[in-house]
């Protein structure tokens, strides 16, 4: 145990020294491992982190998250070096929506405006009219004319949830998050029966059958706020369970239970892409300033337009 602690302390020391030497800022998404969250300068959701990084004097942005998040940081800070601890850290939503196939899908609906969830590649952003987050999606959709025809990509579950909230009939791309699809309705009902004093919190990337049992639905930042203002002392959390680390830090006297998966025991709701980033890889990417996010000026320009449209509407 002492050797493990010594190794961790040494890694932390190396990372902090390299951060200072490289004039870097470390960003960590809520779904990252606890030790990465604790060493980061900022912890949050993808867009909030990128905006904070853009407002710093840092020359280097280390994004501990997944590739599309690091791309957003590069789009908003094109003159900065943006590195990702493991370039293989992707996203099932991004993977489900490939540019060539999406272009073909758009051609089938030529009179539709394209709204894309921020969980997509820069190339999909460039093919979109507006980008949304789970925090502002409803507000932005409701600002568009009621007769506006819309394609929503890539998350069908978030799109379906928005259709219900806004009474729209957006055409949905058939994509989903592997993490949020692991939750079991049957096991969730059993867990709720055993914990009838708990409030169920869910992210809108969850399938409809999970959202139907939720007491509160919201983005990662919204779920964190809910925990702080809710009168409940116990919560069942239906999103990637690493967010519970921040919930415990904010509300140490409250109890948090990860929503169950199919067999009710495995930790299948951990994001396998987020877990590719480690403290060792964080140190190494600072040391080598690699792997870095490389994008053409044309792609940055095209992908930035729908992001700016989002900021204008929200």
Protein backbone atom coordinates (compact mmCIF):
# COMPACT_ATOMS: atom_id res chain seq x y z
CA UNK A 1 0.00 0.00 0.00
CA UNK A 2 2.82 2.42 0.87
CA UNK A 3 4.46 1.76 -2.50
CA UNK A 4 1.18 2.54 -4.28
CA UNK A 5 0.80 5.79 -2.34
CA UNK A 6 4.42 6.74 -3.01
CA UNK A 7 3.98 6.08 -6.74
CA UNK A 8 0.78 8.15 -6.83
CA UNK A 9 2.42 11.05 -4.96
CA UNK A 10 5.40 10.94 -7.31
CA UNK A 11 3.10 10.99 -10.34
CA UNK A 12 1.17 13.95 -8.94
CA UNK A 13 4.45 15.81 -8.33
CA UNK A 14 5.63 15.12 -11.89
CA UNK A 15 2.32 16.26 -13.39
CA UNK A 16 2.22 19.49 -11.40
CA UNK A 17 5.84 20.30 -12.28
CA UNK A 18 5.25 19.64 -15.97
CA UNK A 19 2.04 21.68 -15.90
CA UNK A 20 3.99 24.66 -14.60
CA UNK A 21 6.88 24.13 -17.00
CA UNK A 22 4.61 23.88 -20.06
CA UNK A 23 2.19 26.61 -18.90
CA UNK A 24 -0.66 24.14 -19.18
CA UNK A 25 -4.19 23.93 -17.83
CA UNK A 26 -5.64 20.51 -16.97
CA UNK A 27 -9.34 19.89 -17.64
CA UNK A 28 -11.22 16.84 -16.39
CA UNK A 29 -14.73 15.74 -17.27
CA UNK A 30 -17.03 14.53 -14.47
CA UNK A 31 -16.71 10.99 -15.86
CA UNK A 32 -12.95 10.75 -15.33
CA UNK A 33 -11.30 8.72 -12.57
CA UNK A 34 -11.26 10.39 -9.16
CA UNK A 35 -7.50 10.95 -9.07
CA UNK A 36 -7.62 12.80 -12.40
CA UNK A 37 -10.55 14.94 -11.26
CA UNK A 38 -8.64 15.85 -8.10
CA UNK A 39 -5.50 17.04 -9.90
CA UNK A 40 -7.36 19.03 -12.58
CA UNK A 41 -7.59 22.82 -12.59
CA UNK A 42 -11.20 22.62 -13.74
CA UNK A 43 -13.75 19.79 -13.52
CA UNK A 44 -16.98 20.03 -15.48
CA UNK A 45 -18.86 19.18 -18.66
CA UNK A 46 -17.23 19.45 -22.06
CA UNK A 47 -18.38 22.88 -23.27
CA UNK A 48 -17.95 24.59 -19.90
CA UNK A 49 -14.41 23.25 -19.63
CA UNK A 50 -13.46 24.42 -23.14
CA UNK A 51 -14.79 27.91 -22.47
CA UNK A 52 -12.89 28.14 -19.19
CA UNK A 53 -9.68 26.99 -20.87
CA UNK A 54 -10.12 29.59 -23.63
CA UNK A 55 -10.19 32.31 -20.97
CA UNK A 56 -6.89 31.26 -19.37
CA UNK A 57 -3.36 32.38 -20.28
CA UNK A 58 -2.31 28.75 -20.72
CA UNK A 59 -0.36 27.74 -23.83
CA UNK A 60 -1.37 24.11 -23.49
CA UNK A 61 -4.77 22.53 -22.79
CA UNK A 62 -4.72 18.98 -21.45
CA UNK A 63 -8.22 17.60 -21.88
CA UNK A 64 -8.88 14.56 -19.72
CA UNK A 65 -12.03 13.40 -21.41
CA UNK A 66 -12.75 12.04 -24.87
CA UNK A 67 -11.68 13.14 -28.34
CA UNK A 68 -14.73 15.21 -29.33
CA UNK A 69 -14.30 17.26 -26.14
CA UNK A 70 -10.66 17.99 -26.97
CA UNK A 71 -11.75 18.97 -30.48
CA UNK A 72 -14.16 21.53 -29.03
CA UNK A 73 -11.30 22.97 -26.97
CA UNK A 74 -9.19 23.25 -30.14
CA UNK A 75 -12.05 24.88 -32.05
CA UNK A 76 -12.49 27.51 -29.34
CA UNK A 77 -8.71 27.93 -28.77
CA UNK A 78 -7.08 27.25 -32.17
CA UNK A 79 -3.79 28.93 -31.22
CA UNK A 80 -3.30 26.70 -28.16
CA UNK A 81 -1.80 23.22 -28.11
CA UNK A 82 -4.53 20.74 -27.12
CA UNK A 83 -3.52 17.28 -25.97
CA UNK A 84 -5.49 14.22 -24.92
CA UNK A 85 -3.87 11.59 -22.66
CA UNK A 86 -5.08 8.75 -24.93
CA UNK A 87 -6.15 9.48 -28.49
CA UNK A 88 -8.19 6.26 -28.51
CA UNK A 89 -10.58 7.82 -25.98
CA UNK A 90 -13.54 8.13 -28.28
CA UNK A 91 -17.30 8.08 -27.81
CA UNK A 92 -19.99 5.63 -28.93
CA UNK A 93 -22.21 8.55 -29.94
CA UNK A 94 -19.46 9.95 -32.14
CA UNK A 95 -18.75 6.49 -33.58
CA UNK A 96 -22.43 5.99 -34.41
CA UNK A 97 -22.53 9.06 -36.65
CA UNK A 98 -19.96 8.93 -39.43
CA UNK A 99 -19.73 11.95 -41.78
CA UNK A 100 -20.32 10.15 -45.12
CA UNK A 101 -23.41 8.34 -43.87
CA UNK A 102 -24.68 11.50 -42.19
CA UNK A 103 -24.29 13.47 -45.42
CA UNK A 104 -26.42 10.84 -47.16
CA UNK A 105 -28.99 11.08 -44.36
CA UNK A 106 -29.12 14.87 -44.74
CA UNK A 107 -29.81 14.52 -48.46
CA UNK A 108 -32.94 12.51 -47.62
CA UNK A 109 -34.22 15.53 -45.66
CA UNK A 110 -33.04 18.55 -47.68
CA UNK A 111 -35.48 21.01 -46.11
CA UNK A 112 -34.47 20.21 -42.52
CA UNK A 113 -32.29 22.24 -40.18
CA UNK A 114 -29.61 20.11 -38.50
CA UNK A 115 -29.24 20.29 -34.74
CA UNK A 116 -26.42 18.14 -33.40
CA UNK A 117 -25.66 17.23 -29.81
CA UNK A 118 -22.16 18.34 -28.85
CA UNK A 119 -21.19 14.65 -28.43
CA UNK A 120 -20.14 14.33 -32.07
CA UNK A 121 -17.02 14.78 -34.18
CA UNK A 122 -15.84 18.12 -35.56
CA UNK A 123 -16.80 16.89 -39.05
CA UNK A 124 -20.40 16.32 -37.93
CA UNK A 125 -20.41 19.75 -36.29
CA UNK A 126 -19.32 21.21 -39.63
CA UNK A 127 -22.35 19.52 -41.26
CA UNK A 128 -24.71 21.01 -38.65
CA UNK A 129 -26.57 24.29 -38.32
CA UNK A 130 -26.68 24.43 -34.53
CA UNK A 131 -24.90 22.54 -31.76
CA UNK A 132 -26.64 21.92 -28.44
CA UNK A 133 -25.71 20.51 -25.05
CA UNK A 134 -27.98 18.55 -22.74
CA UNK A 135 -28.21 21.76 -20.65
CA UNK A 136 -29.46 24.09 -23.39
CA UNK A 137 -31.05 21.76 -25.97
CA UNK A 138 -34.65 22.30 -24.91
CA UNK A 139 -34.26 26.09 -24.78
CA UNK A 140 -32.70 26.21 -28.25
CA UNK A 141 -35.24 23.88 -29.88
CA UNK A 142 -38.08 25.93 -28.40
CA UNK A 143 -36.60 29.12 -29.90
CA UNK A 144 -37.00 27.76 -33.42
CA UNK A 145 -40.32 28.22 -35.29
CA UNK A 146 -42.80 25.46 -34.52
CA UNK A 147 -43.05 24.59 -38.21
CA UNK A 148 -39.26 24.29 -38.59
CA UNK A 149 -38.27 20.82 -39.82
CA UNK A 150 -35.36 19.47 -37.81
CA UNK A 151 -32.88 16.61 -37.91
CA UNK A 152 -31.50 15.82 -34.47
CA UNK A 153 -28.25 13.86 -34.21
CA UNK A 154 -26.63 11.72 -32.99
CA UNK A 155 -28.42 10.71 -29.74
CA UNK A 156 -31.85 9.18 -30.37
CA UNK A 157 -32.66 9.02 -26.65
CA UNK A 158 -31.94 12.70 -26.02
CA UNK A 159 -33.78 13.51 -29.25
CA UNK A 160 -36.82 11.49 -28.19
CA UNK A 161 -36.81 13.19 -24.79
CA UNK A 162 -36.65 16.62 -26.46
CA UNK A 163 -39.49 15.71 -28.84
CA UNK A 164 -41.68 14.99 -25.81
CA UNK A 165 -40.65 18.16 -23.95
CA UNK A 166 -41.11 20.45 -26.94
CA UNK A 167 -43.97 18.64 -28.72
CA UNK A 168 -41.82 18.36 -31.86
CA UNK A 169 -41.37 15.63 -34.43
CA UNK A 170 -37.66 15.98 -35.07
CA UNK A 171 -36.16 13.32 -37.33
CA UNK A 172 -33.73 11.37 -35.16
CA UNK A 173 -30.39 9.85 -36.11
CA UNK A 174 -30.10 6.34 -34.68
CA UNK A 175 -27.23 6.82 -32.22
CA UNK A 176 -26.87 6.16 -28.51
CA UNK A 177 -24.42 6.11 -25.61
CA UNK A 178 -23.27 2.62 -24.62
CA UNK A 179 -22.93 3.73 -20.99
CA UNK A 180 -26.49 4.93 -20.56
CA UNK A 181 -27.91 1.94 -22.41
CA UNK A 182 -26.46 -0.47 -19.84
CA UNK A 183 -28.97 0.51 -17.14
CA UNK A 184 -31.66 -2.09 -16.44
CA UNK A 185 -35.25 -1.01 -15.86
CA UNK A 186 -36.00 -4.24 -13.98
CA UNK A 187 -33.01 -3.86 -11.67
CA UNK A 188 -33.74 -0.15 -11.18
CA UNK A 189 -37.27 -0.94 -10.01
CA UNK A 190 -35.89 -3.53 -7.57
CA UNK A 191 -33.34 -1.03 -6.26
CA UNK A 192 -36.00 1.64 -5.80
CA UNK A 193 -38.21 -0.78 -3.84
CA UNK A 194 -35.28 -1.44 -1.49
CA UNK A 195 -34.53 2.29 -1.28
CA UNK A 196 -37.92 3.98 -1.36
CA UNK A 197 -36.44 7.01 0.39
CA UNK A 198 -34.11 7.72 -2.57
CA UNK A 199 -34.56 10.20 -5.39
CA UNK A 200 -33.71 8.85 -8.87
CA UNK A 201 -31.60 11.23 -10.96
CA UNK A 202 -31.03 10.47 -14.65
CA UNK A 203 -29.18 11.93 -17.61
CA UNK A 204 -31.34 12.41 -20.74
CA UNK A 205 -28.99 10.13 -22.72
CA UNK A 206 -30.73 7.26 -20.89
CA UNK A 207 -33.37 5.23 -22.77
CA UNK A 208 -37.01 6.21 -22.27
CA UNK A 209 -37.77 3.24 -19.98
CA UNK A 210 -35.15 4.51 -17.51
CA UNK A 211 -36.24 8.15 -17.77
CA UNK A 212 -39.82 7.08 -17.00
CA UNK A 213 -38.71 6.12 -13.47
CA UNK A 214 -36.59 9.23 -12.85
CA UNK A 215 -37.65 11.86 -10.34
CA UNK A 216 -35.30 14.38 -11.92
CA UNK A 217 -33.71 14.46 -15.42
CA UNK A 218 -30.83 16.75 -16.33
CA UNK A 219 -27.31 17.31 -17.64
CA UNK A 220 -24.28 16.41 -15.54
CA UNK A 221 -24.00 19.92 -14.10
CA UNK A 222 -27.75 20.01 -13.48
CA UNK A 223 -27.63 16.68 -11.61
CA UNK A 224 -24.86 18.04 -9.39
CA UNK A 225 -26.93 21.10 -8.56
CA UNK A 226 -29.99 18.94 -7.87
CA UNK A 227 -28.09 16.95 -5.26
CA UNK A 228 -27.25 20.18 -3.44
CA UNK A 229 -30.76 21.64 -3.39
CA UNK A 230 -32.82 18.47 -2.98
CA UNK A 231 -34.31 17.64 0.41
CA UNK A 232 -33.56 13.96 -0.21
CA UNK A 233 -30.63 12.39 1.64
CA UNK A 234 -30.25 9.42 -0.70
CA UNK A 235 -29.96 9.30 -4.49
CA UNK A 236 -29.89 6.67 -7.22
CA UNK A 237 -27.68 8.00 -10.01
CA UNK A 238 -28.45 6.95 -13.61
CA UNK A 239 -25.40 8.25 -15.44
CA UNK A 240 -21.69 7.43 -15.55
CA UNK A 241 -20.85 6.76 -11.87
CA UNK A 242 -17.61 8.76 -11.67
CA UNK A 243 -19.80 11.86 -11.25
CA UNK A 244 -20.58 10.56 -7.76
CA UNK A 245 -17.08 11.67 -6.71
CA UNK A 246 -18.06 15.33 -7.14
CA UNK A 247 -21.47 14.70 -5.54
CA UNK A 248 -19.77 13.28 -2.45
CA UNK A 249 -17.37 16.23 -2.30
CA UNK A 250 -20.30 18.67 -2.44
CA UNK A 251 -22.61 16.70 -0.14
CA UNK A 252 -20.49 14.36 2.04
CA UNK A 253 -23.40 13.49 4.35
CA UNK A 254 -25.69 12.27 1.59
CA UNK A 255 -25.80 8.75 0.13
CA UNK A 256 -25.31 7.95 -3.57
CA UNK A 257 -26.09 4.65 -5.29
CA UNK A 258 -25.14 3.97 -8.93
CA UNK A 259 -28.10 2.84 -11.03
CA UNK A 260 -27.88 -0.93 -11.68
CA UNK A 261 -27.04 -2.66 -14.92
CA UNK A 262 -28.49 -5.91 -16.26
CA UNK A 263 -27.18 -8.25 -13.56
CA UNK A 264 -27.28 -5.60 -10.85
CA UNK A 265 -23.68 -6.19 -9.77
CA UNK A 266 -21.10 -5.28 -12.44
CA UNK A 267 -19.65 -1.81 -12.99
CA UNK A 268 -20.70 -1.91 -16.66
CA UNK A 269 -21.84 1.71 -16.54
CA UNK A 270 -18.23 2.96 -16.31
CA UNK A 271 -17.31 4.60 -19.61
CA UNK A 272 -14.59 2.43 -21.19
CA UNK A 273 -13.35 5.36 -23.27
CA UNK A 274 -12.94 7.69 -20.29
CA UNK A 275 -11.06 4.95 -18.45
CA UNK A 276 -8.38 4.90 -21.16
CA UNK A 277 -7.00 8.10 -19.63
CA UNK A 278 -4.71 7.44 -16.66
CA UNK A 279 -2.40 9.46 -14.45
CA UNK A 280 0.61 7.95 -16.25
CA UNK A 281 -0.78 8.97 -19.64
CA UNK A 282 -1.60 12.42 -18.28
CA UNK A 283 2.03 12.83 -17.25
CA UNK A 284 3.32 11.51 -20.56
CA UNK A 285 1.15 13.77 -22.72
CA UNK A 286 2.39 16.78 -20.75
CA UNK A 287 5.97 15.64 -21.16
CA UNK A 288 5.72 15.04 -24.92
CA UNK A 289 2.84 17.44 -25.72
CA UNK A 290 1.40 14.48 -27.58
CA UNK A 291 -0.99 13.11 -28.72
CA UNK A 292 -2.24 16.48 -29.88
CA UNK A 293 -5.46 17.44 -31.62
CA UNK A 294 -4.77 18.42 -35.21
CA UNK A 295 -7.45 20.10 -37.32
CA UNK A 296 -7.33 22.10 -40.52
CA UNK A 297 -8.21 25.79 -40.41
CA UNK A 298 -11.14 25.05 -42.73
CA UNK A 299 -12.58 22.42 -40.40
CA UNK A 300 -12.12 24.65 -37.35
CA UNK A 301 -13.93 27.48 -39.15
CA UNK A 302 -16.80 25.25 -40.32
CA UNK A 303 -17.23 23.49 -36.97
CA UNK A 304 -17.12 26.76 -35.03
CA UNK A 305 -20.10 28.32 -36.84
CA UNK A 306 -22.79 26.06 -35.30
CA UNK A 307 -21.10 26.37 -31.91
CA UNK A 308 -21.32 30.16 -32.13
CA UNK A 309 -24.96 29.82 -33.21
CA UNK A 310 -25.59 27.81 -30.06
CA UNK A 311 -23.98 30.49 -27.88
CA UNK A 312 -26.09 33.13 -29.64
CA UNK A 313 -29.35 31.23 -29.01
CA UNK A 314 -28.55 30.18 -25.45
